[in-house]
């Protein structure tokens, strides 16, 4: 019946790329532990980046009582996804657009239990979305996930028509921002000026 297939079985059924074929994906290994307790609860779920809509179909079947929202900047992908999915509220906008991210709470009502960033994958997009969505739109105790943070290390590689300018010591990357958070959390041991 509905809501009975495991996340891995649903991944095989719908085949969104977040589970295969890449060696560094396979998020089902972690998502099941995080999401299983929320699976049959009334939750609000947001995913940034709808791609072809297959991932949305998977989430619609996995979470049986969720209110679904998606952010997508490509009008072609919005069309593809909206033909497939029926339970998802699609918000057309870009992770780069600060005004869109600021307005998003009015459009969606905020208060999400789960936010997954599987959007543009450029670290600028990830940092921008985190800055506006984590504080304004995530419920206290909610889960915020950023997929594909390996792009923080890419330098010169093109993706979605744009070059990555990351690297191990580039201070603006997603990875570096989270490394700095670790320093902030532990500031009493090294720098009370934080």
C-alpha atoms as a PDB file:
ATOM      1  CA  UNK A   1       0.000   0.000   0.000  1.00  0.00           C
ATOM      2  CA  UNK A   2       0.919   3.666  -0.001  1.00  0.00           C
ATOM      3  CA  UNK A   3       3.739   4.583   2.340  1.00  0.00           C
ATOM      4  CA  UNK A   4       5.015   1.033   2.718  1.00  0.00           C
ATOM      5  CA  UNK A   5       7.997   0.906   0.326  1.00  0.00           C
ATOM      6  CA  UNK A   6      11.404   1.656   1.800  1.00  0.00           C
ATOM      7  CA  UNK A   7      13.296   4.718   0.631  1.00  0.00           C
ATOM      8  CA  UNK A   8      15.687   2.473  -1.296  1.00  0.00           C
ATOM      9  CA  UNK A   9      12.780   0.686  -3.036  1.00  0.00           C
ATOM     10  CA  UNK A  10      11.281   4.075  -3.954  1.00  0.00           C
ATOM     11  CA  UNK A  11      14.690   5.196  -5.247  1.00  0.00           C
ATOM     12  CA  UNK A  12      14.719   2.167  -7.575  1.00  0.00           C
ATOM     13  CA  UNK A  13      11.127   2.908  -8.617  1.00  0.00           C
ATOM     14  CA  UNK A  14      11.576   6.629  -9.472  1.00  0.00           C
ATOM     15  CA  UNK A  15      15.361   6.787 -10.110  1.00  0.00           C
ATOM     16  CA  UNK A  16      16.161  10.377  -9.105  1.00  0.00           C
ATOM     17  CA  UNK A  17      19.913  10.979  -9.417  1.00  0.00           C
ATOM     18  CA  UNK A  18      20.348  11.722  -5.704  1.00  0.00           C
ATOM     19  CA  UNK A  19      20.483   7.976  -5.032  1.00  0.00           C
ATOM     20  CA  UNK A  20      22.385   6.636  -8.067  1.00  0.00           C
ATOM     21  CA  UNK A  21      24.311   6.439 -10.371  1.00  0.00           C
ATOM     22  CA  UNK A  22      27.087   8.541  -8.825  1.00  0.00           C
ATOM     23  CA  UNK A  23      29.484   7.017  -6.303  1.00  0.00           C
ATOM     24  CA  UNK A  24      29.258  10.021  -3.989  1.00  0.00           C
ATOM     25  CA  UNK A  25      25.453  10.007  -3.742  1.00  0.00           C
ATOM     26  CA  UNK A  26      23.420   7.215  -2.158  1.00  0.00           C
ATOM     27  CA  UNK A  27      21.694   9.590   0.262  1.00  0.00           C
ATOM     28  CA  UNK A  28      19.174   6.848   1.136  1.00  0.00           C
ATOM     29  CA  UNK A  29      21.827   5.490   3.539  1.00  0.00           C
ATOM     30  CA  UNK A  30      21.305   8.573   5.734  1.00  0.00           C
ATOM     31  CA  UNK A  31      17.874   9.851   4.820  1.00  0.00           C
ATOM     32  CA  UNK A  32      16.017   6.801   6.055  1.00  0.00           C
ATOM     33  CA  UNK A  33      17.423   7.255   9.593  1.00  0.00           C
ATOM     34  CA  UNK A  34      16.552  10.966   9.589  1.00  0.00           C
ATOM     35  CA  UNK A  35      13.158  10.807   7.887  1.00  0.00           C
ATOM     36  CA  UNK A  36      11.551   7.549   9.041  1.00  0.00           C
ATOM     37  CA  UNK A  37      10.246   9.082  12.322  1.00  0.00           C
ATOM     38  CA  UNK A  38       8.496  11.830  10.278  1.00  0.00           C
ATOM     39  CA  UNK A  39       7.242   9.582   7.491  1.00  0.00           C
ATOM     40  CA  UNK A  40       3.577   9.349   8.536  1.00  0.00           C
ATOM     41  CA  UNK A  41       3.335  12.667  10.403  1.00  0.00           C
ATOM     42  CA  UNK A  42       1.826  15.942   9.223  1.00  0.00           C
ATOM     43  CA  UNK A  43       4.954  17.812   8.177  1.00  0.00           C
ATOM     44  CA  UNK A  44       5.974  20.585   5.798  1.00  0.00           C
ATOM     45  CA  UNK A  45       8.645  19.598   3.294  1.00  0.00           C
ATOM     46  CA  UNK A  46      10.627  21.829   0.920  1.00  0.00           C
ATOM     47  CA  UNK A  47      13.028  20.776  -1.798  1.00  0.00           C
ATOM     48  CA  UNK A  48      15.061  23.254  -3.823  1.00  0.00           C
ATOM     49  CA  UNK A  49      15.593  21.958  -7.351  1.00  0.00           C
ATOM     50  CA  UNK A  50      12.866  19.809  -8.898  1.00  0.00           C
ATOM     51  CA  UNK A  51      14.830  18.496 -11.897  1.00  0.00           C
ATOM     52  CA  UNK A  52      12.452  16.268 -13.903  1.00  0.00           C
ATOM     53  CA  UNK A  53      10.009  15.738 -11.020  1.00  0.00           C
ATOM     54  CA  UNK A  54      11.042  12.142 -10.245  1.00  0.00           C
ATOM     55  CA  UNK A  55      12.433  13.098  -6.846  1.00  0.00           C
ATOM     56  CA  UNK A  56       9.164  14.842  -6.009  1.00  0.00           C
ATOM     57  CA  UNK A  57       7.208  11.710  -6.931  1.00  0.00           C
ATOM     58  CA  UNK A  58       9.424   9.739  -4.570  1.00  0.00           C
ATOM     59  CA  UNK A  59       8.829  12.169  -1.675  1.00  0.00           C
ATOM     60  CA  UNK A  60       5.084  12.280  -2.368  1.00  0.00           C
ATOM     61  CA  UNK A  61       4.937   8.528  -1.937  1.00  0.00           C
ATOM     62  CA  UNK A  62       7.377   8.359   0.995  1.00  0.00           C
ATOM     63  CA  UNK A  63       5.806  11.043   3.211  1.00  0.00           C
ATOM     64  CA  UNK A  64       2.135  10.131   3.462  1.00  0.00           C
ATOM     65  CA  UNK A  65       0.797  13.263   5.231  1.00  0.00           C
ATOM     66  CA  UNK A  66       3.214  15.987   4.170  1.00  0.00           C
ATOM     67  CA  UNK A  67       2.547  19.379   2.664  1.00  0.00           C
ATOM     68  CA  UNK A  68       5.056  19.639  -0.197  1.00  0.00           C
ATOM     69  CA  UNK A  69       6.774  22.716  -1.590  1.00  0.00           C
ATOM     70  CA  UNK A  70       9.453  23.027  -4.260  1.00  0.00           C
ATOM     71  CA  UNK A  71      11.632  25.880  -5.481  1.00  0.00           C
ATOM     72  CA  UNK A  72      12.708  25.778  -9.125  1.00  0.00           C
ATOM     73  CA  UNK A  73      14.265  28.479 -11.337  1.00  0.00           C
ATOM     74  CA  UNK A  74      13.986  26.738 -14.723  1.00  0.00           C
ATOM     75  CA  UNK A  75      10.619  27.236 -16.405  1.00  0.00           C
ATOM     76  CA  UNK A  76      11.184  24.052 -18.460  1.00  0.00           C
ATOM     77  CA  UNK A  77      11.723  22.019 -15.310  1.00  0.00           C
ATOM     78  CA  UNK A  78       8.724  23.660 -13.643  1.00  0.00           C
ATOM     79  CA  UNK A  79       6.640  22.479 -16.631  1.00  0.00           C
ATOM     80  CA  UNK A  80       8.117  18.948 -16.527  1.00  0.00           C
ATOM     81  CA  UNK A  81       7.606  18.592 -12.793  1.00  0.00           C
ATOM     82  CA  UNK A  82       4.114  20.098 -12.710  1.00  0.00           C
ATOM     83  CA  UNK A  83       2.931  17.574 -15.326  1.00  0.00           C
ATOM     84  CA  UNK A  84       4.083  14.686 -13.107  1.00  0.00           C
ATOM     85  CA  UNK A  85       3.414  15.711  -9.530  1.00  0.00           C
ATOM     86  CA  UNK A  86       0.095  16.707  -8.069  1.00  0.00           C
ATOM     87  CA  UNK A  87       0.685  17.398  -4.386  1.00  0.00           C
ATOM     88  CA  UNK A  88       3.525  19.899  -4.658  1.00  0.00           C
ATOM     89  CA  UNK A  89       3.308  23.690  -4.418  1.00  0.00           C
ATOM     90  CA  UNK A  90       5.881  24.923  -6.934  1.00  0.00           C
ATOM     91  CA  UNK A  91       7.540  28.294  -6.277  1.00  0.00           C
ATOM     92  CA  UNK A  92       9.213  29.705  -9.364  1.00  0.00           C
ATOM     93  CA  UNK A  93      12.402  31.528  -8.418  1.00  0.00           C
ATOM     94  CA  UNK A  94      16.168  31.418  -8.073  1.00  0.00           C
ATOM     95  CA  UNK A  95      18.443  30.719  -5.126  1.00  0.00           C
ATOM     96  CA  UNK A  96      20.492  33.713  -6.258  1.00  0.00           C
ATOM     97  CA  UNK A  97      17.551  36.084  -5.912  1.00  0.00           C
ATOM     98  CA  UNK A  98      17.691  37.455  -2.374  1.00  0.00           C
ATOM     99  CA  UNK A  99      14.325  39.209  -2.786  1.00  0.00           C
ATOM    100  CA  UNK A 100      12.695  35.941  -3.865  1.00  0.00           C
ATOM    101  CA  UNK A 101      14.201  34.130  -0.856  1.00  0.00           C
ATOM    102  CA  UNK A 102      13.017  36.928   1.471  1.00  0.00           C
ATOM    103  CA  UNK A 103       9.479  36.752   0.015  1.00  0.00           C
ATOM    104  CA  UNK A 104       9.387  32.968   0.131  1.00  0.00           C
ATOM    105  CA  UNK A 105       8.099  32.894   3.714  1.00  0.00           C
ATOM    106  CA  UNK A 106       5.024  34.932   2.717  1.00  0.00           C
ATOM    107  CA  UNK A 107       4.396  32.631  -0.255  1.00  0.00           C
ATOM    108  CA  UNK A 108       4.863  29.346   1.598  1.00  0.00           C
ATOM    109  CA  UNK A 109       4.033  30.122   5.224  1.00  0.00           C
ATOM    110  CA  UNK A 110       7.519  28.950   6.233  1.00  0.00           C
ATOM    111  CA  UNK A 111       7.650  26.633   9.262  1.00  0.00           C
ATOM    112  CA  UNK A 112       9.189  23.667   7.413  1.00  0.00           C
ATOM    113  CA  UNK A 113      10.141  20.432   9.147  1.00  0.00           C
ATOM    114  CA  UNK A 114      12.529  19.451   6.341  1.00  0.00           C
ATOM    115  CA  UNK A 115      14.390  21.595   3.801  1.00  0.00           C
ATOM    116  CA  UNK A 116      16.597  19.901   1.200  1.00  0.00           C
ATOM    117  CA  UNK A 117      18.807  22.015  -1.041  1.00  0.00           C
ATOM    118  CA  UNK A 118      19.348  20.038  -4.241  1.00  0.00           C
ATOM    119  CA  UNK A 119      19.315  23.171  -6.387  1.00  0.00           C
ATOM    120  CA  UNK A 120      22.003  24.898  -8.402  1.00  0.00           C
ATOM    121  CA  UNK A 121      24.915  23.201  -6.583  1.00  0.00           C
ATOM    122  CA  UNK A 122      27.108  26.319  -6.811  1.00  0.00           C
ATOM    123  CA  UNK A 123      28.329  27.174  -3.332  1.00  0.00           C
ATOM    124  CA  UNK A 124      27.039  30.738  -3.723  1.00  0.00           C
ATOM    125  CA  UNK A 125      23.523  29.320  -4.178  1.00  0.00           C
ATOM    126  CA  UNK A 126      23.893  27.013  -1.190  1.00  0.00           C
ATOM    127  CA  UNK A 127      25.215  29.739   1.122  1.00  0.00           C
ATOM    128  CA  UNK A 128      22.554  32.204  -0.042  1.00  0.00           C
ATOM    129  CA  UNK A 129      19.671  29.772   0.466  1.00  0.00           C
ATOM    130  CA  UNK A 130      20.972  28.697   3.858  1.00  0.00           C
ATOM    131  CA  UNK A 131      21.272  32.310   4.968  1.00  0.00           C
ATOM    132  CA  UNK A 132      17.611  33.086   4.211  1.00  0.00           C
ATOM    133  CA  UNK A 133      15.816  29.765   4.519  1.00  0.00           C
ATOM    134  CA  UNK A 134      17.425  28.272   7.635  1.00  0.00           C
ATOM    135  CA  UNK A 135      16.580  31.165   9.954  1.00  0.00           C
ATOM    136  CA  UNK A 136      13.298  32.286   8.397  1.00  0.00           C
ATOM    137  CA  UNK A 137      11.670  29.090   7.190  1.00  0.00           C
ATOM    138  CA  UNK A 138      12.902  26.099   9.205  1.00  0.00           C
ATOM    139  CA  UNK A 139      10.893  25.042  12.246  1.00  0.00           C
ATOM    140  CA  UNK A 140      12.881  24.828  15.504  1.00  0.00           C
ATOM    141  CA  UNK A 141      14.356  21.324  15.590  1.00  0.00           C
ATOM    142  CA  UNK A 142      13.805  20.921  11.837  1.00  0.00           C
ATOM    143  CA  UNK A 143      16.217  19.265   9.419  1.00  0.00           C
ATOM    144  CA  UNK A 144      18.156  21.335   6.851  1.00  0.00           C
ATOM    145  CA  UNK A 145      20.144  19.358   4.295  1.00  0.00           C
ATOM    146  CA  UNK A 146      22.498  20.623   1.590  1.00  0.00           C
ATOM    147  CA  UNK A 147      23.268  18.024  -1.050  1.00  0.00           C
ATOM    148  CA  UNK A 148      26.327  18.135  -3.314  1.00  0.00           C
ATOM    149  CA  UNK A 149      28.631  20.209  -1.129  1.00  0.00           C
ATOM    150  CA  UNK A 150      31.610  18.708  -2.980  1.00  0.00           C
ATOM    151  CA  UNK A 151      31.185  21.585  -5.438  1.00  0.00           C
ATOM    152  CA  UNK A 152      32.895  23.787  -2.818  1.00  0.00           C
ATOM    153  CA  UNK A 153      36.172  22.204  -3.933  1.00  0.00           C
ATOM    154  CA  UNK A 154      35.625  22.585  -7.677  1.00  0.00           C
ATOM    155  CA  UNK A 155      37.674  25.220  -9.478  1.00  0.00           C
ATOM    156  CA  UNK A 156      37.257  25.933 -13.170  1.00  0.00           C
ATOM    157  CA  UNK A 157      34.609  23.251 -13.635  1.00  0.00           C
ATOM    158  CA  UNK A 158      31.450  24.332 -15.478  1.00  0.00           C
ATOM    159  CA  UNK A 159      27.958  23.469 -14.298  1.00  0.00           C
ATOM    160  CA  UNK A 160      24.636  24.909 -15.480  1.00  0.00           C
ATOM    161  CA  UNK A 161      26.565  27.297 -17.755  1.00  0.00           C
ATOM    162  CA  UNK A 162      28.610  28.769 -14.953  1.00  0.00           C
ATOM    163  CA  UNK A 163      32.138  28.249 -13.675  1.00  0.00           C
ATOM    164  CA  UNK A 164      32.909  27.083 -10.141  1.00  0.00           C
ATOM    165  CA  UNK A 165      35.525  29.128  -8.292  1.00  0.00           C
ATOM    166  CA  UNK A 166      35.960  27.020  -5.176  1.00  0.00           C
ATOM    167  CA  UNK A 167      38.909  25.322  -3.545  1.00  0.00           C
ATOM    168  CA  UNK A 168      40.107  23.977  -0.207  1.00  0.00           C
ATOM    169  CA  UNK A 169      40.887  27.392   1.283  1.00  0.00           C
ATOM    170  CA  UNK A 170      38.294  29.597  -0.442  1.00  0.00           C
ATOM    171  CA  UNK A 171      36.532  31.387   2.400  1.00  0.00           C
ATOM    172  CA  UNK A 172      33.160  31.861   0.654  1.00  0.00           C
ATOM    173  CA  UNK A 173      32.390  28.183  -0.009  1.00  0.00           C
ATOM    174  CA  UNK A 174      29.703  26.173   1.758  1.00  0.00           C
ATOM    175  CA  UNK A 175      32.294  23.838   3.295  1.00  0.00           C
ATOM    176  CA  UNK A 176      34.415  26.731   4.591  1.00  0.00           C
ATOM    177  CA  UNK A 177      31.366  28.498   6.082  1.00  0.00           C
ATOM    178  CA  UNK A 178      30.535  25.337   8.055  1.00  0.00           C
ATOM    179  CA  UNK A 179      34.177  24.919   9.116  1.00  0.00           C
ATOM    180  CA  UNK A 180      33.996  28.489  10.452  1.00  0.00           C
ATOM    181  CA  UNK A 181      30.818  27.583  12.381  1.00  0.00           C
ATOM    182  CA  UNK A 182      32.780  24.845  14.164  1.00  0.00           C
ATOM    183  CA  UNK A 183      35.344  27.492  15.166  1.00  0.00           C
ATOM    184  CA  UNK A 184      32.495  29.733  16.341  1.00  0.00           C
ATOM    185  CA  UNK A 185      30.901  27.008  18.459  1.00  0.00           C
ATOM    186  CA  UNK A 186      34.291  26.303  20.090  1.00  0.00           C
ATOM    187  CA  UNK A 187      35.365  29.927  20.431  1.00  0.00           C
ATOM    188  CA  UNK A 188      35.852  29.791  24.222  1.00  0.00           C
ATOM    189  CA  UNK A 189      38.846  27.519  23.609  1.00  0.00           C
ATOM    190  CA  UNK A 190      40.678  29.783  21.179  1.00  0.00           C
ATOM    191  CA  UNK A 191      39.280  33.300  20.756  1.00  0.00           C
ATOM    192  CA  UNK A 192      36.833  35.069  23.026  1.00  0.00           C
ATOM    193  CA  UNK A 193      36.737  37.936  20.522  1.00  0.00           C
ATOM    194  CA  UNK A 194      34.261  35.900  18.393  1.00  0.00           C
END
